[in-house]
C-alpha atoms as a PDB file:
ATOM      1  CA  MET A   1       0.283  -0.442  -0.168  1.00  0.00           C
ATOM      2  CA  LEU A   2       2.798   2.111   0.604  1.00  0.00           C
ATOM      3  CA  HIS A   3       3.986   1.903  -3.118  1.00  0.00           C
ATOM      4  CA  LEU A   4       1.115   3.235  -3.871  1.00  0.00           C
ATOM      5  CA  LEU A   5       1.064   6.631  -2.417  1.00  0.00           C
ATOM      6  CA  LEU A   6       4.343   6.977  -2.853  1.00  0.00           C
ATOM      7  CA  LEU A   7       3.219   6.348  -6.453  1.00  0.00           C
ATOM      8  CA  HIS A   8       0.240   9.043  -6.035  1.00  0.00           C
ATOM      9  CA  ARG A   9       2.366  11.360  -4.432  1.00  0.00           C
ATOM     10  CA  PHE A  10       5.228  11.261  -7.172  1.00  0.00           C
ATOM     11  CA  PHE A  11       2.868  11.842  -9.964  1.00  0.00           C
ATOM     12  CA  SER A  12       1.374  14.676  -8.081  1.00  0.00           C
ATOM     13  CA  GLU A  13       4.802  16.159  -7.712  1.00  0.00           C
ATOM     14  CA  SER A  14       6.079  15.943 -10.962  1.00  0.00           C
ATOM     15  CA  TYR A  15       3.308  17.104 -12.874  1.00  0.00           C
ATOM     16  CA  GLY A  16       4.243  20.608 -12.461  1.00  0.00           C
ATOM     17  CA  GLN A  17       7.802  19.788 -13.118  1.00  0.00           C
ATOM     18  CA  LEU A  18       7.307  17.925 -16.928  1.00  0.00           C
ATOM     19  CA  PHE A  19       7.819  21.636 -18.529  1.00  0.00           C
ATOM     20  CA  PHE A  20      11.322  21.341 -17.310  1.00  0.00           C
ATOM     21  CA  LEU A  21      12.734  17.491 -19.235  1.00  0.00           C
ATOM     22  CA  SER A  22      15.167  17.404 -21.143  1.00  0.00           C
ATOM     23  CA  PRO A  23      15.182  15.017 -23.534  1.00  0.00           C
ATOM     24  CA  SER A  24      17.824  12.547 -21.881  1.00  0.00           C
ATOM     25  CA  ASN A  25      15.836  13.013 -18.580  1.00  0.00           C
ATOM     26  CA  CYS A  26      12.479  12.419 -20.490  1.00  0.00           C
ATOM     27  CA  CYS A  27      13.548   9.646 -22.436  1.00  0.00           C
ATOM     28  CA  ALA A  28      14.321   8.058 -18.657  1.00  0.00           C
ATOM     29  CA  LEU A  29      11.571   8.515 -16.852  1.00  0.00           C
ATOM     30  CA  VAL A  30       8.785   7.197 -19.875  1.00  0.00           C
ATOM     31  CA  TRP A  31      11.302   4.415 -19.963  1.00  0.00           C
ATOM     32  CA  ALA A  32      11.163   3.504 -16.164  1.00  0.00           C
ATOM     33  CA  LEU A  33       7.728   4.146 -16.117  1.00  0.00           C
ATOM     34  CA  GLY A  34       7.737   1.517 -18.983  1.00  0.00           C
ATOM     35  CA  ARG A  35       9.967  -0.732 -16.863  1.00  0.00           C
ATOM     36  CA  LEU A  36       7.960  -0.446 -13.920  1.00  0.00           C
ATOM     37  CA  HIS A  37       4.421  -0.420 -16.047  1.00  0.00           C
ATOM     38  CA  TRP A  38       3.726   1.861 -13.851  1.00  0.00           C
ATOM     39  CA  ARG A  39       1.153   3.631 -16.017  1.00  0.00           C
ATOM     40  CA  PRO A  40       0.539   7.690 -15.062  1.00  0.00           C
ATOM     41  CA  PRO A  41      -2.971   8.993 -14.696  1.00  0.00           C
ATOM     42  CA  LEU A  42      -4.615  10.752 -18.088  1.00  0.00           C
ATOM     43  CA  GLU A  43      -3.991  14.459 -16.526  1.00  0.00           C
ATOM     44  CA  TRP A  44      -0.113  13.514 -16.232  1.00  0.00           C
ATOM     45  CA  GLN A  45       0.056  11.837 -19.406  1.00  0.00           C
ATOM     46  CA  ASP A  46      -1.677  14.457 -21.340  1.00  0.00           C
ATOM     47  CA  ARG A  47       0.437  16.812 -19.272  1.00  0.00           C
ATOM     48  CA  LEU A  48       3.142  15.160 -20.467  1.00  0.00           C
ATOM     49  CA  PHE A  49       2.264  15.170 -24.610  1.00  0.00           C
ATOM     50  CA  LEU A  50       1.990  18.701 -24.282  1.00  0.00           C
ATOM     51  CA  GLU A  51       5.302  20.090 -23.115  1.00  0.00           C
ATOM     52  CA  THR A  52       6.832  17.284 -24.988  1.00  0.00           C
ATOM     53  CA  TYR A  53       5.267  18.265 -28.389  1.00  0.00           C
ATOM     54  CA  THR A  54       7.367  20.938 -29.128  1.00  0.00           C
ATOM     55  CA  LYS A  55      11.088  19.511 -27.854  1.00  0.00           C
ATOM     56  CA  LEU A  56      10.442  16.486 -29.857  1.00  0.00           C
ATOM     57  CA  ALA A  57      13.157  17.836 -32.634  1.00  0.00           C
ATOM     58  CA  THR A  58      15.400  17.895 -30.083  1.00  0.00           C
ATOM     59  CA  PHE A  59      15.901  14.614 -29.274  1.00  0.00           C
ATOM     60  CA  SER A  60      18.411  12.160 -29.962  1.00  0.00           C
ATOM     61  CA  ALA A  61      17.826   8.674 -31.880  1.00  0.00           C
ATOM     62  CA  ALA A  62      18.430   7.065 -28.522  1.00  0.00           C
ATOM     63  CA  GLU A  63      16.095   9.447 -26.615  1.00  0.00           C
ATOM     64  CA  LEU A  64      13.637   9.076 -29.127  1.00  0.00           C
ATOM     65  CA  THR A  65      13.278   5.174 -29.166  1.00  0.00           C
ATOM     66  CA  GLY A  66      13.782   5.296 -25.683  1.00  0.00           C
ATOM     67  CA  THR A  67      10.564   7.500 -24.847  1.00  0.00           C
ATOM     68  CA  LEU A  68       8.830   5.360 -27.670  1.00  0.00           C
ATOM     69  CA  HIS A  69       9.621   2.208 -26.097  1.00  0.00           C
ATOM     70  CA  GLY A  70       8.553   3.324 -23.275  1.00  0.00           C
ATOM     71  CA  LEU A  71       5.003   4.871 -24.153  1.00  0.00           C
ATOM     72  CA  ALA A  72       4.256   1.353 -26.228  1.00  0.00           C
ATOM     73  CA  ALA A  73       5.236  -0.785 -23.085  1.00  0.00           C
ATOM     74  CA  LEU A  74       2.771   1.266 -20.978  1.00  0.00           C
ATOM     75  CA  GLN A  75       0.027   0.833 -24.186  1.00  0.00           C
ATOM     76  CA  LEU A  76      -0.377   5.149 -24.171  1.00  0.00           C
ATOM     77  CA  GLN A  77      -1.811   6.027 -27.080  1.00  0.00           C
ATOM     78  CA  PRO A  78      -0.383  10.205 -27.895  1.00  0.00           C
ATOM     79  CA  PRO A  79      -2.707  12.602 -29.591  1.00  0.00           C
ATOM     80  CA  VAL A  80      -2.431  12.234 -33.382  1.00  0.00           C
ATOM     81  CA  GLN A  81      -0.281  15.818 -33.495  1.00  0.00           C
ATOM     82  CA  TRP A  82       2.105  14.223 -31.173  1.00  0.00           C
ATOM     83  CA  MET A  83       2.594  11.006 -32.961  1.00  0.00           C
ATOM     84  CA  HIS A  84       3.231  12.891 -36.292  1.00  0.00           C
ATOM     85  CA  GLN A  85       6.026  15.045 -34.706  1.00  0.00           C
ATOM     86  CA  ALA A  86       7.535  11.637 -33.071  1.00  0.00           C
ATOM     87  CA  THR A  87       7.542  10.599 -36.563  1.00  0.00           C
ATOM     88  CA  ALA A  88       9.055  13.925 -38.493  1.00  0.00           C
ATOM     89  CA  ALA A  89      11.825  13.765 -35.447  1.00  0.00           C
ATOM     90  CA  VAL A  90      12.603   9.769 -36.135  1.00  0.00           C
ATOM     91  CA  ALA A  91      13.251  10.613 -39.666  1.00  0.00           C
ATOM     92  CA  LEU A  92      14.928  13.040 -39.048  1.00  0.00           C
ATOM     93  CA  ALA A  93      17.000  10.682 -36.519  1.00  0.00           C
ATOM     94  CA  ALA A  94      16.962   7.882 -39.144  1.00  0.00           C
ATOM     95  CA  PRO A  95      20.811   8.343 -40.042  1.00  0.00           C
ATOM     96  CA  ASP A  96      21.789   7.880 -36.883  1.00  0.00           C
ATOM     97  CA  LEU A  97      19.617   4.619 -35.930  1.00  0.00           C
ATOM     98  CA  GLY A  98      20.421   0.926 -36.384  1.00  0.00           C
ATOM     99  CA  VAL A  99      17.590  -1.657 -37.455  1.00  0.00           C
ATOM    100  CA  GLN A 100      16.826  -2.599 -33.950  1.00  0.00           C
ATOM    101  CA  GLU A 101      16.102   0.807 -32.855  1.00  0.00           C
ATOM    102  CA  VAL A 102      13.717   1.598 -35.894  1.00  0.00           C
ATOM    103  CA  THR A 103      12.026  -1.733 -35.646  1.00  0.00           C
ATOM    104  CA  SER A 104      11.391  -0.298 -31.859  1.00  0.00           C
ATOM    105  CA  CYS A 105      10.015   2.866 -32.943  1.00  0.00           C
ATOM    106  CA  LEU A 106       7.109   1.328 -35.266  1.00  0.00           C
END
């Protein structure tokens, strides 16, 4: 029960800080949440997508694949506009991506 309280507190406290996430921190956070199967509340998800939308073009190939992998593990469905932006970012990063990384983005 304590872990649920801590998880709730984490999402509550981090909600206002999502604006400040760097691409590497975003990747690490979303990847870790996916790995732990800790699905964020809808409001938190919406805020994450809002705050990362304009930053996606600055993500490295590894940051994109880690973030997308985490989202897929959590079975989150980003807004269509966010996915368009992520697809464009993956296309820009494609020269830096290996076959394994491209496959994990799909």
